[in-house]
C-alpha atoms as a PDB file:
ATOM      1  CA  MET A   1     -78.118   4.751 -16.102  1.00  0.00           C
ATOM      2  CA  LYS A   2     -76.523   7.284 -18.284  1.00  0.00           C
ATOM      3  CA  LEU A   3     -74.520   9.945 -16.956  1.00  0.00           C
ATOM      4  CA  ARG A   4     -76.063  13.794 -16.638  1.00  0.00           C
ATOM      5  CA  ARG A   5     -72.150  14.337 -15.808  1.00  0.00           C
ATOM      6  CA  SER A   6     -68.571  13.953 -15.850  1.00  0.00           C
ATOM      7  CA  LEU A   7     -67.426  11.775 -13.295  1.00  0.00           C
ATOM      8  CA  ALA A   8     -63.216  12.195 -11.961  1.00  0.00           C
ATOM      9  CA  PHE A   9     -61.630   9.416 -10.383  1.00  0.00           C
ATOM     10  CA  VAL A  10     -58.491  11.350  -7.732  1.00  0.00           C
ATOM     11  CA  GLY A  11     -56.228   9.660  -5.666  1.00  0.00           C
ATOM     12  CA  LEU A  12     -52.879   8.601  -5.261  1.00  0.00           C
ATOM     13  CA  ARG A  13     -51.215   6.647  -8.232  1.00  0.00           C
ATOM     14  CA  CYS A  14     -51.279   2.815  -8.310  1.00  0.00           C
ATOM     15  CA  THR A  15     -54.579   3.410  -6.505  1.00  0.00           C
ATOM     16  CA  GLY A  16     -56.218   2.241  -9.644  1.00  0.00           C
ATOM     17  CA  LYS A  17     -57.939   5.445 -11.032  1.00  0.00           C
ATOM     18  CA  SER A  18     -56.793   4.436 -14.877  1.00  0.00           C
ATOM     19  CA  THR A  19     -58.520   0.722 -14.422  1.00  0.00           C
ATOM     20  CA  VAL A  20     -61.627   1.269 -12.652  1.00  0.00           C
ATOM     21  CA  GLY A  21     -62.385   4.544 -14.837  1.00  0.00           C
ATOM     22  CA  ALA A  22     -61.946   2.494 -17.761  1.00  0.00           C
ATOM     23  CA  LEU A  23     -64.499  -0.550 -15.908  1.00  0.00           C
ATOM     24  CA  VAL A  24     -67.099   2.132 -15.317  1.00  0.00           C
ATOM     25  CA  ALA A  25     -67.034   4.447 -18.364  1.00  0.00           C
ATOM     26  CA  ARG A  26     -67.788   0.726 -20.306  1.00  0.00           C
ATOM     27  CA  GLU A  27     -70.278   0.193 -17.519  1.00  0.00           C
ATOM     28  CA  PHE A  28     -72.284   4.074 -18.302  1.00  0.00           C
ATOM     29  CA  ASP A  29     -71.619   3.942 -21.950  1.00  0.00           C
ATOM     30  CA  ALA A  30     -69.229   6.706 -21.615  1.00  0.00           C
ATOM     31  CA  GLY A  31     -66.187   7.931 -23.285  1.00  0.00           C
ATOM     32  CA  PHE A  32     -63.235   7.955 -21.423  1.00  0.00           C
ATOM     33  CA  VAL A  33     -59.993  10.208 -20.390  1.00  0.00           C
ATOM     34  CA  ASP A  34     -56.841   9.577 -18.455  1.00  0.00           C
ATOM     35  CA  LEU A  35     -55.558  12.463 -18.467  1.00  0.00           C
ATOM     36  CA  ASP A  36     -51.771  11.058 -17.849  1.00  0.00           C
ATOM     37  CA  GLU A  37     -52.513   8.975 -21.339  1.00  0.00           C
ATOM     38  CA  ALA A  38     -53.941  12.813 -23.241  1.00  0.00           C
ATOM     39  CA  LEU A  39     -51.034  14.912 -21.649  1.00  0.00           C
ATOM     40  CA  ARG A  40     -48.745  11.932 -22.888  1.00  0.00           C
ATOM     41  CA  TYR A  41     -50.085  11.744 -26.790  1.00  0.00           C
ATOM     42  CA  SER A  42     -50.383  16.122 -26.270  1.00  0.00           C
ATOM     43  CA  PHE A  43     -46.702  16.459 -25.398  1.00  0.00           C
ATOM     44  CA  GLN A  44     -45.485  13.082 -28.047  1.00  0.00           C
ATOM     45  CA  SER A  45     -47.840  15.363 -30.471  1.00  0.00           C
ATOM     46  CA  ASP A  46     -45.885  18.150 -30.103  1.00  0.00           C
ATOM     47  CA  CYS A  47     -43.877  19.073 -32.822  1.00  0.00           C
ATOM     48  CA  CYS A  48     -41.160  21.323 -31.159  1.00  0.00           C
ATOM     49  CA  SER A  49     -40.571  19.227 -27.797  1.00  0.00           C
ATOM     50  CA  ALA A  50     -37.817  16.948 -28.646  1.00  0.00           C
ATOM     51  CA  HIS A  51     -38.932  15.191 -25.445  1.00  0.00           C
ATOM     52  CA  GLY A  52     -41.739  13.550 -26.118  1.00  0.00           C
ATOM     53  CA  THR A  53     -41.684   9.553 -24.776  1.00  0.00           C
ATOM     54  CA  SER A  54     -42.511   9.595 -21.146  1.00  0.00           C
ATOM     55  CA  LEU A  55     -44.566  11.918 -19.046  1.00  0.00           C
ATOM     56  CA  GLY A  56     -40.962  11.346 -16.785  1.00  0.00           C
ATOM     57  CA  GLU A  57     -38.866  12.432 -19.396  1.00  0.00           C
ATOM     58  CA  TRP A  58     -40.993  15.600 -19.777  1.00  0.00           C
ATOM     59  CA  ILE A  59     -41.297  16.367 -16.737  1.00  0.00           C
ATOM     60  CA  GLU A  60     -37.391  16.098 -16.136  1.00  0.00           C
ATOM     61  CA  ALA A  61     -37.119  18.135 -19.190  1.00  0.00           C
ATOM     62  CA  HIS A  62     -39.431  21.098 -17.977  1.00  0.00           C
ATOM     63  CA  GLY A  63     -40.361  21.055 -15.192  1.00  0.00           C
ATOM     64  CA  TRP A  64     -43.175  19.840 -12.690  1.00  0.00           C
ATOM     65  CA  ASP A  65     -44.493  23.476 -12.770  1.00  0.00           C
ATOM     66  CA  ALA A  66     -44.877  23.169 -16.525  1.00  0.00           C
ATOM     67  CA  PHE A  67     -46.012  20.244 -16.049  1.00  0.00           C
ATOM     68  CA  ARG A  68     -48.837  21.639 -13.948  1.00  0.00           C
ATOM     69  CA  ALA A  69     -49.461  24.147 -15.814  1.00  0.00           C
ATOM     70  CA  ALA A  70     -49.899  20.969 -18.604  1.00  0.00           C
ATOM     71  CA  GLU A  71     -52.401  19.435 -16.586  1.00  0.00           C
ATOM     72  CA  GLN A  72     -54.239  22.146 -15.336  1.00  0.00           C
ATOM     73  CA  ALA A  73     -54.709  23.102 -19.705  1.00  0.00           C
ATOM     74  CA  GLU A  74     -55.589  19.456 -19.962  1.00  0.00           C
ATOM     75  CA  LEU A  75     -57.921  19.214 -17.753  1.00  0.00           C
ATOM     76  CA  ALA A  76     -60.052  21.990 -19.192  1.00  0.00           C
ATOM     77  CA  ARG A  77     -59.969  21.089 -22.404  1.00  0.00           C
ATOM     78  CA  VAL A  78     -61.433  17.773 -21.399  1.00  0.00           C
ATOM     79  CA  LEU A  79     -64.081  19.185 -19.175  1.00  0.00           C
ATOM     80  CA  ASP A  80     -65.037  21.645 -22.037  1.00  0.00           C
ATOM     81  CA  ASN A  81     -65.344  19.265 -25.312  1.00  0.00           C
ATOM     82  CA  GLY A  82     -68.390  17.434 -25.195  1.00  0.00           C
ATOM     83  CA  GLU A  83     -70.458  14.827 -23.577  1.00  0.00           C
ATOM     84  CA  PRO A  84     -70.417  13.477 -19.583  1.00  0.00           C
ATOM     85  CA  ARG A  85     -67.404  11.403 -19.419  1.00  0.00           C
ATOM     86  CA  VAL A  86     -65.130   9.112 -17.371  1.00  0.00           C
ATOM     87  CA  ILE A  87     -61.410  11.286 -16.217  1.00  0.00           C
ATOM     88  CA  ALA A  88     -58.917   9.458 -14.306  1.00  0.00           C
ATOM     89  CA  THR A  89     -56.634  12.246 -13.397  1.00  0.00           C
ATOM     90  CA  GLY A  90     -52.846  12.254 -12.440  1.00  0.00           C
ATOM     91  CA  GLY A  91     -52.769  11.838  -8.351  1.00  0.00           C
ATOM     92  CA  GLY A  92     -51.508  15.016  -8.435  1.00  0.00           C
ATOM     93  CA  VAL A  93     -54.345  17.305 -10.105  1.00  0.00           C
ATOM     94  CA  VAL A  94     -55.767  18.528  -6.893  1.00  0.00           C
ATOM     95  CA  GLU A  95     -52.110  20.514  -6.359  1.00  0.00           C
ATOM     96  CA  ARG A  96     -53.918  23.354  -7.627  1.00  0.00           C
ATOM     97  CA  GLU A  97     -56.442  25.417  -6.390  1.00  0.00           C
ATOM     98  CA  VAL A  98     -58.517  25.819  -9.645  1.00  0.00           C
ATOM     99  CA  ASN A  99     -58.048  22.064 -10.629  1.00  0.00           C
ATOM    100  CA  ARG A 100     -60.154  21.036  -7.062  1.00  0.00           C
ATOM    101  CA  ARG A 101     -62.281  23.685  -8.533  1.00  0.00           C
ATOM    102  CA  LEU A 102     -63.098  22.465 -11.341  1.00  0.00           C
ATOM    103  CA  LEU A 103     -63.294  18.639 -10.505  1.00  0.00           C
ATOM    104  CA  ALA A 104     -66.237  19.543  -7.680  1.00  0.00           C
ATOM    105  CA  LEU A 105     -67.872  21.710  -9.756  1.00  0.00           C
ATOM    106  CA  ARG A 106     -67.994  20.082 -12.782  1.00  0.00           C
ATOM    107  CA  THR A 107     -67.810  16.514 -12.500  1.00  0.00           C
ATOM    108  CA  THR A 108     -68.454  14.126  -9.668  1.00  0.00           C
ATOM    109  CA  VAL A 109     -65.485  13.391  -7.926  1.00  0.00           C
ATOM    110  CA  ILE A 110     -64.944   9.950  -6.672  1.00  0.00           C
ATOM    111  CA  TRP A 111     -61.603   9.677  -4.397  1.00  0.00           C
ATOM    112  CA  LEU A 112     -60.335   6.273  -4.464  1.00  0.00           C
ATOM    113  CA  ARG A 113     -58.025   5.441  -0.962  1.00  0.00           C
ATOM    114  CA  GLU A 114     -55.942   2.470  -0.647  1.00  0.00           C
ATOM    115  CA  SER A 115     -53.573   1.252   1.791  1.00  0.00           C
ATOM    116  CA  VAL A 116     -49.385   2.340   1.624  1.00  0.00           C
ATOM    117  CA  GLU A 117     -48.705  -0.892   1.658  1.00  0.00           C
ATOM    118  CA  VAL A 118     -50.166  -2.154  -1.199  1.00  0.00           C
ATOM    119  CA  LEU A 119     -49.500   1.031  -3.534  1.00  0.00           C
ATOM    120  CA  ALA A 120     -45.712   0.702  -2.687  1.00  0.00           C
ATOM    121  CA  ARG A 121     -45.917  -3.170  -3.565  1.00  0.00           C
ATOM    122  CA  ARG A 122     -48.278  -1.808  -7.046  1.00  0.00           C
ATOM    123  CA  ALA A 123     -45.712   1.407  -7.370  1.00  0.00           C
ATOM    124  CA  ALA A 124     -42.735  -1.100  -7.501  1.00  0.00           C
ATOM    125  CA  ALA A 125     -44.022  -3.924  -9.838  1.00  0.00           C
ATOM    126  CA  ASP A 126     -44.696  -0.761 -12.158  1.00  0.00           C
ATOM    127  CA  GLY A 127     -42.748  -0.658 -15.361  1.00  0.00           C
ATOM    128  CA  ARG A 128     -43.355   2.427 -16.141  1.00  0.00           C
ATOM    129  CA  GLY A 129     -40.910   5.059 -15.335  1.00  0.00           C
ATOM    130  CA  ARG A 130     -42.702   6.898 -12.823  1.00  0.00           C
ATOM    131  CA  PRO A 131     -40.714   9.765 -11.239  1.00  0.00           C
ATOM    132  CA  ALA A 132     -40.095   8.974  -7.842  1.00  0.00           C
ATOM    133  CA  LEU A 133     -41.843  11.961  -5.623  1.00  0.00           C
ATOM    134  CA  VAL A 134     -40.076  12.121  -2.495  1.00  0.00           C
ATOM    135  CA  ALA A 135     -36.295  10.077  -1.894  1.00  0.00           C
ATOM    136  CA  GLY A 136     -36.985   7.109   0.788  1.00  0.00           C
ATOM    137  CA  GLY A 137     -38.511   4.406  -1.495  1.00  0.00           C
ATOM    138  CA  TRP A 138     -42.282   3.957  -2.341  1.00  0.00           C
ATOM    139  CA  ALA A 139     -44.161   3.601   1.051  1.00  0.00           C
ATOM    140  CA  ASN A 140     -42.257   6.557   2.138  1.00  0.00           C
ATOM    141  CA  GLU A 141     -42.896   8.919  -0.644  1.00  0.00           C
ATOM    142  CA  PHE A 142     -46.937   6.987  -0.318  1.00  0.00           C
ATOM    143  CA  ARG A 143     -47.020   8.299   2.981  1.00  0.00           C
ATOM    144  CA  GLU A 144     -45.363  11.752   2.768  1.00  0.00           C
ATOM    145  CA  ILE A 145     -47.885  12.464  -0.795  1.00  0.00           C
ATOM    146  CA  GLY A 146     -50.872  11.002   1.006  1.00  0.00           C
ATOM    147  CA  ALA A 147     -50.893  12.790   3.982  1.00  0.00           C
ATOM    148  CA  ARG A 148     -50.052  16.127   2.228  1.00  0.00           C
ATOM    149  CA  ARG A 149     -52.736  15.439  -0.485  1.00  0.00           C
ATOM    150  CA  ALA A 150     -55.730  13.946   1.728  1.00  0.00           C
ATOM    151  CA  PRO A 151     -56.918  16.996   2.744  1.00  0.00           C
ATOM    152  CA  LEU A 152     -56.530  18.381  -1.119  1.00  0.00           C
ATOM    153  CA  TYR A 153     -58.739  14.945  -2.481  1.00  0.00           C
ATOM    154  CA  ALA A 154     -61.369  15.243   0.432  1.00  0.00           C
ATOM    155  CA  GLU A 155     -62.138  19.026  -0.500  1.00  0.00           C
ATOM    156  CA  CYS A 156     -63.327  18.114  -3.700  1.00  0.00           C
ATOM    157  CA  ALA A 157     -64.614  14.584  -3.913  1.00  0.00           C
ATOM    158  CA  HIS A 158     -67.995  13.988  -4.020  1.00  0.00           C
ATOM    159  CA  ILE A 159     -67.908  10.269  -3.203  1.00  0.00           C
ATOM    160  CA  ALA A 160     -64.370   8.132  -0.861  1.00  0.00           C
ATOM    161  CA  ILE A 161     -64.181   4.318  -2.148  1.00  0.00           C
ATOM    162  CA  ASP A 162     -61.478   2.789   0.491  1.00  0.00           C
ATOM    163  CA  CYS A 163     -60.186  -0.080  -1.444  1.00  0.00           C
ATOM    164  CA  CYS A 164     -58.777  -2.055   0.439  1.00  0.00           C
ATOM    165  CA  GLY A 165     -57.305  -3.761  -1.970  1.00  0.00           C
ATOM    166  CA  ARG A 166     -59.904  -4.911  -4.072  1.00  0.00           C
ATOM    167  CA  ALA A 167     -60.835  -5.867  -7.690  1.00  0.00           C
ATOM    168  CA  PRO A 168     -61.023  -3.117  -9.839  1.00  0.00           C
ATOM    169  CA  ALA A 169     -64.512  -5.179 -11.073  1.00  0.00           C
ATOM    170  CA  GLU A 170     -65.102  -5.256  -7.857  1.00  0.00           C
ATOM    171  CA  LEU A 171     -64.861  -1.151  -7.156  1.00  0.00           C
ATOM    172  CA  ALA A 172     -66.737  -0.396 -10.249  1.00  0.00           C
ATOM    173  CA  ARG A 173     -69.303  -2.211  -9.007  1.00  0.00           C
ATOM    174  CA  GLU A 174     -69.014  -0.186  -5.859  1.00  0.00           C
ATOM    175  CA  VAL A 175     -68.798   3.246  -7.376  1.00  0.00           C
ATOM    176  CA  ARG A 176     -72.297   2.231  -9.773  1.00  0.00           C
ATOM    177  CA  ALA A 177     -74.349   1.830  -6.461  1.00  0.00           C
ATOM    178  CA  ARG A 178     -71.974   4.852  -4.308  1.00  0.00           C
ATOM    179  CA  LEU A 179     -73.210   6.715  -7.461  1.00  0.00           C
ATOM    180  CA  GLU A 180     -77.013   6.092  -7.687  1.00  0.00           C
ATOM    181  CA  LEU A 181     -77.071   6.968  -3.841  1.00  0.00           C
ATOM    182  CA  TYR A 182     -75.134  10.118  -4.077  1.00  0.00           C
ATOM    183  CA  ALA A 183     -77.402  10.668  -7.222  1.00  0.00           C
ATOM    184  CA  ASN A 184     -80.970  10.016  -5.184  1.00  0.00           C
ATOM    185  CA  SER A 185     -79.892  12.020  -2.556  1.00  0.00           C
ATOM    186  CA  ARG A 186     -79.265  15.203  -4.429  1.00  0.00           C
ATOM    187  CA  PRO A 187     -81.808  18.098  -5.533  1.00  0.00           C
ATOM    188  CA  ALA A 188     -83.604  17.242  -8.955  1.00  0.00           C
ATOM    189  CA  ASP A 189     -81.744  20.913 -10.431  1.00  0.00           C
ATOM    190  CA  SER A 190     -77.989  20.344  -9.301  1.00  0.00           C
END
């Protein structure tokens, strides 16, 4: 099965969007873009920016509004650039309505859902220096942010997958199976 349109993975941080997305891209022999990595590269290449070593540092220096604007521009650039590909988005990409519309109209959106407990354990073990979004620890963050973003993910998602702590390879197989079902349920001209 060849990709006819781009796939976009959405979900909270630590759900496995980048890991599963890369596996799915390899399986479909498609290009892969990690939107956060593309932003990090863009920030590091910006000759005018003295803050480019991590997204957290960039956000601290420029603020969340500037980050969301840069994220929106990068998403549009990725969607306008060539062949269908697999895109792992940042967890908050859905916070802008224009991004939800772009994703829903121009990609097949796969929402990865995971339990608060698994996400908190993964976040505590992650050494990438991601900035905390709310006070009170990882579990509190995932509960609060998850409750706020769930309707936004649902608004643009074509497929939702409950991860249940499963291995990335198993999730990639489920994505492929669900994509085949989804493709067979859509009219030929969509």
